[in-house]
Amino acid sequence: MMDILHGLAPQLIESVKVNKFEGKTTDFPNLALLVEDSFFKECSLRWNKPVSKYMSTVEHTVDADTHLLKALLIMLHANDYNLPVVDKGVIIGVIRLEEIFKAISGHCNL
């Protein structure tokens, strides 16, 4: 999704990389209102382009029978919190960090 958003509206993604400017506060995300018009205009101009132009390759996958803790370690190592799940080389779904957290939190008495 980030790749597609970057392709549709690169100025929005680049705006969060600004480290310091006069008046920047903890309410920095509230500045999104300032780019709203340009965001939607830029999106509408790029909307009919193929998404493949903006997508990056999938670096990590897990097999359907992979243990949850192994999937969690892969996520943490890759700093990627969604992993495609494959069965015989075909993507059959996605496992998210949130789902793993919910599954293990009962065992950890969280």
C-alpha atoms as a PDB file:
ATOM      1  CA  MET A   1       0.000   0.000   0.000  1.00  0.00           C
ATOM      2  CA  MET A   2       2.839   2.380   0.792  1.00  0.00           C
ATOM      3  CA  ASP A   3       4.348   1.769  -2.639  1.00  0.00           C
ATOM      4  CA  ILE A   4       1.048   2.600  -4.314  1.00  0.00           C
ATOM      5  CA  LEU A   5       0.533   5.713  -2.176  1.00  0.00           C
ATOM      6  CA  HIS A   6       4.071   6.801  -2.996  1.00  0.00           C
ATOM      7  CA  GLY A   7       3.277   6.421  -6.689  1.00  0.00           C
ATOM      8  CA  LEU A   8      -0.062   8.211  -6.503  1.00  0.00           C
ATOM      9  CA  ALA A   9       1.030  11.117  -4.329  1.00  0.00           C
ATOM     10  CA  PRO A  10       4.786  11.261  -3.743  1.00  0.00           C
ATOM     11  CA  GLN A  11       4.582  14.748  -2.211  1.00  0.00           C
ATOM     12  CA  LEU A  12       2.528  13.349   0.671  1.00  0.00           C
ATOM     13  CA  ILE A  13       5.092  10.671   1.472  1.00  0.00           C
ATOM     14  CA  GLU A  14       7.963  13.139   1.126  1.00  0.00           C
ATOM     15  CA  SER A  15       6.259  15.638   3.455  1.00  0.00           C
ATOM     16  CA  VAL A  16       6.633  13.325   6.453  1.00  0.00           C
ATOM     17  CA  LYS A  17      10.390  13.173   5.884  1.00  0.00           C
ATOM     18  CA  VAL A  18      10.766  16.841   6.830  1.00  0.00           C
ATOM     19  CA  ASN A  19      12.814  16.786  10.019  1.00  0.00           C
ATOM     20  CA  LYS A  20      12.720  20.381  11.113  1.00  0.00           C
ATOM     21  CA  PHE A  21      11.012  23.597  10.175  1.00  0.00           C
ATOM     22  CA  GLU A  22       9.884  26.755  11.928  1.00  0.00           C
ATOM     23  CA  GLY A  23       6.860  26.042  14.093  1.00  0.00           C
ATOM     24  CA  LYS A  24       6.938  22.226  13.857  1.00  0.00           C
ATOM     25  CA  THR A  25       5.229  20.726  16.887  1.00  0.00           C
ATOM     26  CA  THR A  26       3.916  17.361  17.996  1.00  0.00           C
ATOM     27  CA  ASP A  27       0.774  18.223  16.010  1.00  0.00           C
ATOM     28  CA  PHE A  28       2.721  17.911  12.737  1.00  0.00           C
ATOM     29  CA  PRO A  29       0.250  15.383  11.213  1.00  0.00           C
ATOM     30  CA  ASN A  30      -2.444  18.066  11.485  1.00  0.00           C
ATOM     31  CA  LEU A  31      -0.647  19.809   8.632  1.00  0.00           C
ATOM     32  CA  ALA A  32      -2.138  17.157   6.335  1.00  0.00           C
ATOM     33  CA  LEU A  33      -5.023  19.541   5.750  1.00  0.00           C
ATOM     34  CA  LEU A  34      -2.635  21.853   3.927  1.00  0.00           C
ATOM     35  CA  VAL A  35      -1.841  19.237   1.285  1.00  0.00           C
ATOM     36  CA  GLU A  36      -5.344  17.800   0.912  1.00  0.00           C
ATOM     37  CA  ASP A  37      -6.212  19.583  -2.354  1.00  0.00           C
ATOM     38  CA  SER A  38      -2.874  18.829  -3.999  1.00  0.00           C
ATOM     39  CA  PHE A  39      -3.018  15.200  -2.780  1.00  0.00           C
ATOM     40  CA  PHE A  40      -6.357  14.482  -4.431  1.00  0.00           C
ATOM     41  CA  LYS A  41      -5.413  16.412  -7.561  1.00  0.00           C
ATOM     42  CA  GLU A  42      -2.157  14.461  -7.889  1.00  0.00           C
ATOM     43  CA  CYS A  43      -3.965  11.156  -7.277  1.00  0.00           C
ATOM     44  CA  SER A  44      -6.529  11.882  -9.961  1.00  0.00           C
ATOM     45  CA  LEU A  45      -3.762  12.622 -12.481  1.00  0.00           C
ATOM     46  CA  ARG A  46      -1.968   9.337 -11.764  1.00  0.00           C
ATOM     47  CA  TRP A  47      -4.989   7.127 -11.078  1.00  0.00           C
ATOM     48  CA  ASN A  48      -5.052   5.369 -14.456  1.00  0.00           C
ATOM     49  CA  LYS A  49      -1.393   4.309 -14.376  1.00  0.00           C
ATOM     50  CA  PRO A  50      -0.591   0.633 -13.709  1.00  0.00           C
ATOM     51  CA  VAL A  51       0.214  -0.036 -10.055  1.00  0.00           C
ATOM     52  CA  SER A  52       3.046  -2.343 -11.093  1.00  0.00           C
ATOM     53  CA  LYS A  53       5.095   0.764 -11.838  1.00  0.00           C
ATOM     54  CA  TYR A  54       5.044   1.680  -8.140  1.00  0.00           C
ATOM     55  CA  MET A  55       5.240  -1.692  -6.424  1.00  0.00           C
ATOM     56  CA  SER A  56       8.354  -3.148  -4.882  1.00  0.00           C
ATOM     57  CA  THR A  57       9.179  -6.842  -4.802  1.00  0.00           C
ATOM     58  CA  VAL A  58       8.133  -9.044  -1.910  1.00  0.00           C
ATOM     59  CA  GLU A  59      11.238  -9.957   0.051  1.00  0.00           C
ATOM     60  CA  HIS A  60       9.792 -12.271   2.696  1.00  0.00           C
ATOM     61  CA  THR A  61       7.016 -14.840   2.705  1.00  0.00           C
ATOM     62  CA  VAL A  62       5.990 -17.625   5.062  1.00  0.00           C
ATOM     63  CA  ASP A  63       4.543 -21.027   4.308  1.00  0.00           C
ATOM     64  CA  ALA A  64       1.038 -21.732   5.539  1.00  0.00           C
ATOM     65  CA  ASP A  65       2.363 -24.145   8.170  1.00  0.00           C
ATOM     66  CA  THR A  66       4.988 -21.747   9.576  1.00  0.00           C
ATOM     67  CA  HIS A  67       4.926 -21.388  13.378  1.00  0.00           C
ATOM     68  CA  LEU A  68       3.633 -17.996  14.535  1.00  0.00           C
ATOM     69  CA  LEU A  69       6.801 -17.198  16.481  1.00  0.00           C
ATOM     70  CA  LYS A  70       8.928 -17.829  13.391  1.00  0.00           C
ATOM     71  CA  ALA A  71       6.678 -15.487  11.380  1.00  0.00           C
ATOM     72  CA  LEU A  72       6.994 -12.916  14.164  1.00  0.00           C
ATOM     73  CA  LEU A  73      10.797 -13.134  14.120  1.00  0.00           C
ATOM     74  CA  ILE A  74      10.819 -12.690  10.342  1.00  0.00           C
ATOM     75  CA  MET A  75       8.620  -9.612  10.703  1.00  0.00           C
ATOM     76  CA  LEU A  76      10.791  -8.103  13.407  1.00  0.00           C
ATOM     77  CA  HIS A  77      14.004  -8.774  11.510  1.00  0.00           C
ATOM     78  CA  ALA A  78      12.617  -7.368   8.240  1.00  0.00           C
ATOM     79  CA  ASN A  79      10.798  -4.479   9.946  1.00  0.00           C
ATOM     80  CA  ASP A  80       7.759  -5.501   7.898  1.00  0.00           C
ATOM     81  CA  TYR A  81       4.548  -6.221   9.735  1.00  0.00           C
ATOM     82  CA  ASN A  82       2.626  -7.972   6.961  1.00  0.00           C
ATOM     83  CA  LEU A  83       3.848 -11.191   5.385  1.00  0.00           C
ATOM     84  CA  PRO A  84       2.340 -12.972   2.397  1.00  0.00           C
ATOM     85  CA  VAL A  85       1.438 -16.570   3.217  1.00  0.00           C
ATOM     86  CA  VAL A  86       2.190 -19.073   0.457  1.00  0.00           C
ATOM     87  CA  ASP A  87       1.166 -22.643  -0.249  1.00  0.00           C
ATOM     88  CA  LYS A  88       3.043 -24.460  -3.015  1.00  0.00           C
ATOM     89  CA  GLY A  89       4.354 -21.133  -4.339  1.00  0.00           C
ATOM     90  CA  VAL A  90       0.918 -19.478  -4.517  1.00  0.00           C
ATOM     91  CA  ILE A  91      -0.029 -16.586  -2.243  1.00  0.00           C
ATOM     92  CA  ILE A  92      -3.072 -17.657  -0.257  1.00  0.00           C
ATOM     93  CA  GLY A  93      -3.266 -14.779   2.207  1.00  0.00           C
ATOM     94  CA  VAL A  94      -1.420 -12.386   4.475  1.00  0.00           C
ATOM     95  CA  ILE A  95      -0.490 -12.646   8.147  1.00  0.00           C
ATOM     96  CA  ARG A  96      -0.288  -9.369  10.050  1.00  0.00           C
ATOM     97  CA  LEU A  97       1.564  -8.492  13.244  1.00  0.00           C
ATOM     98  CA  GLU A  98      -1.764  -7.630  14.835  1.00  0.00           C
ATOM     99  CA  GLU A  99      -3.025 -11.164  14.266  1.00  0.00           C
ATOM    100  CA  ILE A 100       0.107 -12.728  15.719  1.00  0.00           C
ATOM    101  CA  PHE A 101      -0.069 -10.409  18.707  1.00  0.00           C
ATOM    102  CA  LYS A 102      -3.681 -11.396  19.384  1.00  0.00           C
ATOM    103  CA  ALA A 103      -2.817 -15.091  19.071  1.00  0.00           C
ATOM    104  CA  ILE A 104       0.137 -14.998  21.476  1.00  0.00           C
ATOM    105  CA  SER A 105      -1.242 -12.461  23.968  1.00  0.00           C
ATOM    106  CA  GLY A 106      -3.513 -15.082  25.537  1.00  0.00           C
ATOM    107  CA  HIS A 107      -0.520 -17.283  26.320  1.00  0.00           C
ATOM    108  CA  CYS A 108       1.447 -14.393  27.790  1.00  0.00           C
ATOM    109  CA  ASN A 109      -1.393 -13.203  30.073  1.00  0.00           C
ATOM    110  CA  LEU A 110      -1.348  -9.722  28.545  1.00  0.00           C
END
